[in-house]
């Protein structure tokens, strides 16, 4: 009987691991890919769809273009994993048996218990979210005027928040729409915890797009019309009226993860994994945003696209090695730099090029940064599909 290998999730980690497993598994293994959607989304480009929904055709890749015919695909959302019986339970009651399982189910948005935030704010975790944000902004702008513009508020000025705000600005400028945009960050600077030079470069470009930046106070409450910022026992919060609110302020584990009998962080419900991606059960591996992959004492891999697709190769190979009884490889994340799109512009930081090493300029923008941003996405698309598909997507990236 063949060894049953199951991959959960069609994000960077899941899609990347499937391609590696197809190369590494022997003929006596059967690979099954289970995911909620029958496509892979190039998630770090989904903000583009806020400005122009037609971009989605370039950043969604059907699973049939990624997997081989020998790999089975099951469309469904995993609701639980029974590690004793080695069964994945799907929404609707179907089960998928496994001998080895790779969990790559990604993350969900963290709302941190802020009153009203989950109820009234958009999030940006998939295509449907981007479509809804676009539609709500379009409708709000249609009802607005120059004297009474539509108010769009983005909470969280990390990577997603900055890119989202910039795409709203591009939509506004392209369509000459009466929209005011505010980017709210509880810390004292946008892109918190990063190089001050990078923070300054991002702030300048965001402000050049006529986006108001509010830092230093956290969102404390939201209702259907107002965002409340700061406040305390002796201080009234600042009030921001909004027509469209988008929240990009953090991630946590998927809701279903809390019921899975694998060791996990009690607060975020992300699974603990060793540097070889093995979870607390030796037949289960975890990779990507759903996992806290050990990187030495008191350190875990970052929840980024770069880390997920880099880790996917080793995670996939390690499952094949486990089946063959070989020692598992240990993975260490090496940061190759950060590139952030600011509408049509981009900013790069700490970029390392193959062979040449680190780029001599620490922070740069302009045509080189824009081309680099496109190249990163195109390289990923080419890796999981073909150079032809990557080339066809180039103008939308």
Protein backbone atom coordinates (compact mmCIF):
# COMPACT_ATOMS: atom_id res chain seq x y z
CA UNK A 1 0.00 0.00 0.00
CA UNK A 2 1.36 3.43 -0.92
CA UNK A 3 2.32 6.01 1.69
CA UNK A 4 -0.33 8.74 1.88
CA UNK A 5 1.13 12.26 2.04
CA UNK A 6 -1.27 15.17 2.53
CA UNK A 7 -0.56 18.91 2.21
CA UNK A 8 -3.04 21.38 3.71
CA UNK A 9 -3.17 24.88 2.22
CA UNK A 10 -2.56 26.57 -1.12
CA UNK A 11 -0.52 29.56 0.04
CA UNK A 12 3.21 30.04 -0.56
CA UNK A 13 4.21 27.25 1.80
CA UNK A 14 1.60 24.79 0.54
CA UNK A 15 2.12 25.43 -3.17
CA UNK A 16 5.90 25.42 -2.83
CA UNK A 17 5.90 22.20 -0.82
CA UNK A 18 3.68 20.42 -3.36
CA UNK A 19 6.12 21.16 -6.18
CA UNK A 20 9.04 19.91 -4.06
CA UNK A 21 7.21 16.79 -2.90
CA UNK A 22 6.37 15.86 -6.49
CA UNK A 23 10.11 15.86 -7.20
CA UNK A 24 11.20 14.11 -4.01
CA UNK A 25 8.57 11.43 -3.31
CA UNK A 26 9.09 7.93 -4.64
CA UNK A 27 6.62 5.96 -6.72
CA UNK A 28 5.33 4.22 -3.59
CA UNK A 29 3.86 7.48 -2.21
CA UNK A 30 0.57 9.19 -3.11
CA UNK A 31 0.34 12.98 -2.70
CA UNK A 32 -2.98 14.67 -1.91
CA UNK A 33 -3.32 18.46 -1.83
CA UNK A 34 -6.20 19.86 0.25
CA UNK A 35 -7.13 23.55 0.16
CA UNK A 36 -10.12 25.80 0.61
CA UNK A 37 -9.54 27.42 -2.79
CA UNK A 38 -8.67 25.72 -6.07
CA UNK A 39 -6.06 28.37 -6.84
CA UNK A 40 -2.88 29.77 -5.37
CA UNK A 41 -2.98 33.49 -4.61
CA UNK A 42 0.20 35.58 -4.87
CA UNK A 43 -0.87 37.20 -1.62
CA UNK A 44 1.81 39.86 -1.35
CA UNK A 45 0.37 41.41 -4.54
CA UNK A 46 -3.34 41.21 -3.59
CA UNK A 47 -3.39 44.89 -2.59
CA UNK A 48 -3.14 45.69 -6.33
CA UNK A 49 -6.74 44.48 -6.72
CA UNK A 50 -7.98 47.33 -4.52
CA UNK A 51 -7.07 49.77 -7.28
CA UNK A 52 -7.82 47.48 -10.23
CA UNK A 53 -9.73 44.20 -9.74
CA UNK A 54 -8.66 42.98 -13.19
CA UNK A 55 -5.21 42.32 -11.72
CA UNK A 56 -6.57 39.22 -10.01
CA UNK A 57 -6.22 37.13 -13.18
CA UNK A 58 -2.46 37.69 -13.01
CA UNK A 59 -2.03 36.82 -9.34
CA UNK A 60 -4.30 33.78 -9.05
CA UNK A 61 -2.90 30.51 -10.34
CA UNK A 62 -5.20 27.47 -10.70
CA UNK A 63 -3.89 24.48 -8.79
CA UNK A 64 -3.94 22.45 -12.01
CA UNK A 65 -1.19 24.72 -13.37
CA UNK A 66 0.96 23.93 -10.32
CA UNK A 67 0.44 20.25 -9.53
CA UNK A 68 1.03 17.25 -11.76
CA UNK A 69 -1.74 14.89 -12.85
CA UNK A 70 -0.54 12.30 -10.34
CA UNK A 71 -1.32 14.57 -7.38
CA UNK A 72 -4.90 14.45 -6.14
CA UNK A 73 -6.56 17.75 -5.24
CA UNK A 74 -9.42 18.02 -2.75
CA UNK A 75 -11.20 21.35 -2.42
CA UNK A 76 -12.29 21.87 1.18
CA UNK A 77 -11.53 23.64 4.43
CA UNK A 78 -9.84 21.56 7.11
CA UNK A 79 -11.66 21.85 10.43
CA UNK A 80 -9.61 19.43 12.55
CA UNK A 81 -6.74 16.96 12.49
CA UNK A 82 -6.98 13.72 14.45
CA UNK A 83 -3.32 12.90 15.00
CA UNK A 84 -4.09 9.55 16.69
CA UNK A 85 -6.15 8.26 13.77
CA UNK A 86 -4.14 10.26 11.18
CA UNK A 87 -7.22 11.81 9.67
CA UNK A 88 -7.89 15.33 8.38
CA UNK A 89 -11.53 16.31 8.94
CA UNK A 90 -13.07 18.67 6.37
CA UNK A 91 -15.99 21.04 6.54
CA UNK A 92 -19.06 19.11 5.43
CA UNK A 93 -17.98 15.84 7.03
CA UNK A 94 -15.47 14.38 4.57
CA UNK A 95 -12.21 12.88 5.85
CA UNK A 96 -8.77 12.52 4.28
CA UNK A 97 -6.42 9.87 5.69
CA UNK A 98 -2.68 10.47 5.87
CA UNK A 99 0.56 8.79 6.84
CA UNK A 100 2.45 12.09 6.76
CA UNK A 101 0.87 15.54 6.93
CA UNK A 102 2.19 19.00 6.09
CA UNK A 103 0.10 21.78 7.66
CA UNK A 104 0.41 25.06 5.75
CA UNK A 105 -2.96 26.68 6.43
CA UNK A 106 -1.70 30.23 6.85
CA UNK A 107 -3.02 32.73 9.36
CA UNK A 108 -6.07 34.84 10.11
CA UNK A 109 -6.35 38.49 11.13
CA UNK A 110 -5.76 39.38 14.78
CA UNK A 111 -8.23 41.93 16.14
CA UNK A 112 -6.77 41.99 19.70
CA UNK A 113 -10.16 42.22 21.35
CA UNK A 114 -10.73 45.81 20.16
CA UNK A 115 -14.43 46.49 20.45
CA UNK A 116 -16.22 46.64 17.09
CA UNK A 117 -13.10 46.14 14.98
CA UNK A 118 -13.84 42.66 13.63
CA UNK A 119 -17.48 43.57 13.02
CA UNK A 120 -16.96 46.80 11.08
CA UNK A 121 -13.49 46.62 9.48
CA UNK A 122 -12.40 45.00 6.25
CA UNK A 123 -9.36 42.76 6.38
CA UNK A 124 -7.02 41.88 3.52
CA UNK A 125 -6.37 38.14 3.57
CA UNK A 126 -7.69 37.11 0.17
CA UNK A 127 -9.30 38.00 -3.13
CA UNK A 128 -12.79 38.44 -1.73
CA UNK A 129 -11.46 40.97 0.78
CA UNK A 130 -9.77 43.03 -1.95
CA UNK A 131 -12.90 42.94 -4.10
CA UNK A 132 -15.06 44.16 -1.21
CA UNK A 133 -12.65 46.97 -0.32
CA UNK A 134 -12.59 48.11 -3.95
CA UNK A 135 -16.37 48.07 -4.20
CA UNK A 136 -16.93 49.92 -0.92
CA UNK A 137 -14.39 52.60 -1.84
CA UNK A 138 -15.97 52.98 -5.28
CA UNK A 139 -19.44 53.39 -3.77
CA UNK A 140 -18.26 55.77 -1.05
CA UNK A 141 -16.51 57.97 -3.62
CA UNK A 142 -19.63 58.03 -5.81
CA UNK A 143 -21.63 59.44 -2.89
CA UNK A 144 -18.96 61.99 -1.94
CA UNK A 145 -17.94 65.42 -3.19
CA UNK A 146 -14.87 67.67 -3.04
CA UNK A 147 -16.45 69.51 -0.10
CA UNK A 148 -17.44 66.26 1.63
CA UNK A 149 -14.93 63.56 0.56
CA UNK A 150 -15.18 59.88 1.34
CA UNK A 151 -13.12 58.97 4.40
CA UNK A 152 -10.95 55.85 4.18
CA UNK A 153 -9.08 54.75 7.30
CA UNK A 154 -6.42 52.02 7.31
CA UNK A 155 -5.45 50.64 10.70
CA UNK A 156 -1.91 49.33 11.05
CA UNK A 157 1.10 50.74 9.22
CA UNK A 158 3.07 47.59 8.66
CA UNK A 159 3.74 46.13 5.23
CA UNK A 160 0.08 45.45 4.36
CA UNK A 161 -1.21 48.73 5.74
CA UNK A 162 1.27 50.87 3.84
CA UNK A 163 0.67 49.03 0.56
CA UNK A 164 -3.11 49.17 1.04
CA UNK A 165 -3.12 52.90 1.72
CA UNK A 166 -1.00 53.53 -1.36
CA UNK A 167 -3.33 51.52 -3.59
CA UNK A 168 -6.33 53.49 -2.33
CA UNK A 169 -4.41 56.66 -3.19
CA UNK A 170 -3.69 55.35 -6.69
CA UNK A 171 -7.38 54.55 -7.13
CA UNK A 172 -8.27 58.05 -5.97
CA UNK A 173 -5.82 59.74 -8.34
CA UNK A 174 -6.59 57.53 -11.34
CA UNK A 175 -10.34 58.11 -11.00
CA UNK A 176 -10.14 61.69 -9.68
CA UNK A 177 -12.24 60.51 -6.78
CA UNK A 178 -12.97 62.69 -3.72
CA UNK A 179 -11.28 60.54 -1.06
CA UNK A 180 -9.33 61.39 2.08
CA UNK A 181 -7.02 58.65 3.37
CA UNK A 182 -5.69 58.20 6.90
CA UNK A 183 -3.12 55.61 7.96
CA UNK A 184 -3.26 54.93 11.71
CA UNK A 185 -0.41 53.28 13.63
CA UNK A 186 -0.26 52.81 17.40
CA UNK A 187 3.53 52.85 17.54
CA UNK A 188 5.51 56.03 17.01
CA UNK A 189 6.58 55.33 13.44
CA UNK A 190 5.25 53.50 10.40
CA UNK A 191 6.74 50.06 9.66
CA UNK A 192 7.53 49.69 13.38
CA UNK A 193 10.70 47.97 14.52
CA UNK A 194 12.56 48.51 11.27
CA UNK A 195 15.52 50.58 10.12
CA UNK A 196 14.84 54.31 10.71
CA UNK A 197 16.24 55.07 7.26
CA UNK A 198 13.68 52.73 5.72
CA UNK A 199 10.90 54.18 7.88
CA UNK A 200 11.82 57.69 6.71
CA UNK A 201 11.85 56.68 3.05
CA UNK A 202 8.43 55.05 3.39
CA UNK A 203 6.96 58.01 5.27
CA UNK A 204 8.09 60.47 2.59
CA UNK A 205 6.54 58.45 -0.21
CA UNK A 206 3.30 57.84 1.69
CA UNK A 207 2.94 61.54 2.46
CA UNK A 208 3.74 62.41 -1.17
CA UNK A 209 0.61 60.41 -2.05
CA UNK A 210 -1.41 62.80 0.14
CA UNK A 211 -2.07 60.21 2.83
CA UNK A 212 -2.38 61.48 6.41
CA UNK A 213 -0.27 59.47 8.87
CA UNK A 214 -1.39 59.29 12.51
CA UNK A 215 1.05 57.56 14.86
CA UNK A 216 1.51 57.16 18.61
CA UNK A 217 -1.98 56.07 19.69
CA UNK A 218 -3.76 52.77 19.19
CA UNK A 219 -7.29 52.25 17.94
CA UNK A 220 -9.31 51.66 21.11
CA UNK A 221 -12.82 51.13 19.74
CA UNK A 222 -14.81 51.11 16.50
CA UNK A 223 -18.47 51.57 15.71
CA UNK A 224 -20.24 51.64 12.35
CA UNK A 225 -19.25 55.25 11.64
CA UNK A 226 -16.32 56.17 13.90
CA UNK A 227 -12.82 54.99 14.78
CA UNK A 228 -11.77 55.95 18.33
CA UNK A 229 -8.03 56.45 18.84
CA UNK A 230 -6.29 56.55 22.20
CA UNK A 231 -8.10 57.88 25.23
CA UNK A 232 -8.05 56.78 28.84
CA UNK A 233 -9.48 57.49 32.25
CA UNK A 234 -8.84 61.22 32.07
CA UNK A 235 -8.60 61.71 28.32
CA UNK A 236 -11.24 61.48 25.63
CA UNK A 237 -10.26 59.48 22.53
CA UNK A 238 -9.74 61.14 19.18
CA UNK A 239 -12.63 60.39 16.84
CA UNK A 240 -12.26 59.69 13.13
CA UNK A 241 -15.36 59.34 11.00
CA UNK A 242 -14.99 56.81 8.22
CA UNK A 243 -16.83 55.45 5.21
CA UNK A 244 -14.43 52.53 4.66
CA UNK A 245 -12.22 50.98 7.34
CA UNK A 246 -9.47 48.43 6.64
CA UNK A 247 -7.60 46.65 9.44
CA UNK A 248 -4.12 45.22 8.76
CA UNK A 249 -2.76 45.26 12.31
CA UNK A 250 -1.58 41.70 12.92
CA UNK A 251 -1.98 37.95 12.45
CA UNK A 252 -3.02 34.98 14.53
CA UNK A 253 -3.66 31.30 13.88
CA UNK A 254 -6.67 29.97 12.01
CA UNK A 255 -9.74 29.49 14.25
CA UNK A 256 -9.77 25.73 13.65
CA UNK A 257 -6.18 25.38 14.86
CA UNK A 258 -7.18 25.63 18.52
CA UNK A 259 -8.88 22.21 18.35
CA UNK A 260 -5.93 20.42 16.76
CA UNK A 261 -4.01 18.24 19.22
CA UNK A 262 -0.58 19.61 18.37
CA UNK A 263 1.51 21.74 20.69
CA UNK A 264 0.74 25.38 19.97
CA UNK A 265 0.97 28.86 21.37
CA UNK A 266 -1.97 29.31 23.73
CA UNK A 267 -2.67 32.85 22.58
CA UNK A 268 -2.13 32.75 18.83
CA UNK A 269 -2.81 29.02 18.22
CA UNK A 270 0.15 28.79 15.87
CA UNK A 271 1.85 25.40 15.94
CA UNK A 272 5.29 24.92 17.46
CA UNK A 273 7.73 23.35 15.00
CA UNK A 274 11.41 22.47 15.15
CA UNK A 275 13.95 23.80 12.68
CA UNK A 276 13.18 20.71 10.57
CA UNK A 277 9.44 21.68 10.58
CA UNK A 278 8.44 18.64 12.63
CA UNK A 279 5.53 19.42 14.96
CA UNK A 280 4.81 17.70 18.30
CA UNK A 281 3.64 14.60 16.40
CA UNK A 282 6.41 13.02 14.35
CA UNK A 283 4.09 12.38 11.37
CA UNK A 284 3.02 16.05 11.18
CA UNK A 285 5.08 18.95 9.83
CA UNK A 286 4.08 22.63 9.97
CA UNK A 287 5.31 25.51 7.81
CA UNK A 288 4.38 29.09 6.93
CA UNK A 289 2.31 31.55 8.94
CA UNK A 290 0.47 28.79 10.86
CA UNK A 291 3.76 27.69 12.44
CA UNK A 292 6.25 29.05 14.94
CA UNK A 293 9.38 27.54 13.41
CA UNK A 294 12.24 27.52 15.88
CA UNK A 295 15.30 29.54 14.89
CA UNK A 296 17.48 29.16 17.95
CA UNK A 297 16.71 30.11 21.58
CA UNK A 298 13.73 32.49 21.92
CA UNK A 299 13.52 33.09 18.18
CA UNK A 300 11.14 31.97 15.42
CA UNK A 301 11.00 32.53 11.68
CA UNK A 302 9.11 35.66 10.56
CA UNK A 303 5.57 35.25 9.13
CA UNK A 304 6.50 36.56 5.69
CA UNK A 305 6.05 35.38 2.13
CA UNK A 306 9.83 35.29 1.71
CA UNK A 307 10.22 32.93 4.68
CA UNK A 308 7.31 30.71 3.62
CA UNK A 309 8.48 30.04 0.10
CA UNK A 310 12.09 29.57 1.23
CA UNK A 311 10.98 27.09 3.89
CA UNK A 312 8.62 25.16 1.62
CA UNK A 313 11.44 23.41 -0.27
CA UNK A 314 13.05 22.06 2.90
CA UNK A 315 9.73 21.12 4.49
CA UNK A 316 8.71 19.14 1.41
CA UNK A 317 12.09 17.45 1.17
CA UNK A 318 12.01 16.54 4.87
CA UNK A 319 8.74 14.65 4.51
CA UNK A 320 10.32 12.59 1.72
CA UNK A 321 13.37 12.01 3.93
CA UNK A 322 11.19 10.97 6.87
CA UNK A 323 9.42 8.39 4.69
CA UNK A 324 12.80 7.05 3.55
CA UNK A 325 14.16 6.95 7.11
CA UNK A 326 16.82 9.56 6.39
CA UNK A 327 17.90 12.30 8.82
CA UNK A 328 15.94 15.54 8.47
CA UNK A 329 17.47 18.79 7.29
CA UNK A 330 17.44 21.83 9.55
CA UNK A 331 16.36 25.15 8.07
CA UNK A 332 17.60 28.61 8.95
CA UNK A 333 15.92 31.68 7.52
CA UNK A 334 18.24 34.13 5.77
CA UNK A 335 16.69 37.52 5.13
CA UNK A 336 17.33 38.60 1.54
CA UNK A 337 15.95 42.09 2.12
CA UNK A 338 12.62 43.87 1.98
CA UNK A 339 10.87 45.46 -0.99
CA UNK A 340 7.62 47.39 -0.43
CA UNK A 341 5.37 48.78 -3.12
CA UNK A 342 4.02 52.30 -2.63
CA UNK A 343 1.46 52.43 -5.40
CA UNK A 344 3.43 52.65 -8.66
CA UNK A 345 6.64 53.25 -6.71
CA UNK A 346 8.63 50.91 -4.45
CA UNK A 347 11.25 51.04 -1.71
CA UNK A 348 13.92 48.39 -1.15
CA UNK A 349 16.00 47.77 1.98
CA UNK A 350 18.95 45.52 2.76
CA UNK A 351 18.67 43.65 -0.52
CA UNK A 352 21.07 40.78 -1.16
CA UNK A 353 21.63 39.66 -4.73
CA UNK A 354 22.86 36.16 -5.62
CA UNK A 355 26.63 36.06 -6.24
CA UNK A 356 27.07 39.82 -5.71
CA UNK A 357 25.87 39.84 -2.10
CA UNK A 358 24.33 42.86 -0.42
CA UNK A 359 23.50 45.87 -2.59
CA UNK A 360 25.83 48.78 -1.68
CA UNK A 361 22.93 51.19 -1.01
CA UNK A 362 20.95 50.24 2.10
CA UNK A 363 17.65 51.90 1.09
CA UNK A 364 16.67 52.84 -2.45
CA UNK A 365 13.59 53.49 -4.55
CA UNK A 366 12.92 54.42 -8.15
CA UNK A 367 13.05 52.20 -11.24
CA UNK A 368 15.46 49.65 -9.73
CA UNK A 369 13.25 49.07 -6.69
CA UNK A 370 10.13 48.85 -8.87
CA UNK A 371 11.78 46.33 -11.19
CA UNK A 372 13.04 44.33 -8.24
CA UNK A 373 9.53 44.19 -6.74
CA UNK A 374 8.12 42.90 -10.02
CA UNK A 375 10.98 40.46 -10.38
CA UNK A 376 10.39 38.88 -6.98
CA UNK A 377 6.75 38.13 -7.75
CA UNK A 378 7.53 37.01 -11.30
CA UNK A 379 10.26 34.67 -10.05
CA UNK A 380 7.83 33.02 -7.66
CA UNK A 381 5.18 32.58 -10.36
CA UNK A 382 7.79 31.09 -12.68
CA UNK A 383 8.94 28.68 -9.93
CA UNK A 384 5.49 27.21 -9.33
CA UNK A 385 4.22 27.41 -12.92
CA UNK A 386 6.26 28.63 -15.88
CA UNK A 387 8.29 31.62 -17.13
CA UNK A 388 5.58 32.23 -19.73
CA UNK A 389 2.94 32.78 -17.05
CA UNK A 390 5.29 35.02 -15.09
CA UNK A 391 5.92 37.14 -18.18
CA UNK A 392 2.20 37.52 -18.85
CA UNK A 393 1.68 38.80 -15.28
CA UNK A 394 4.60 41.26 -15.36
CA UNK A 395 2.65 44.46 -16.10
CA UNK A 396 0.22 43.83 -13.22
CA UNK A 397 2.88 43.17 -10.59
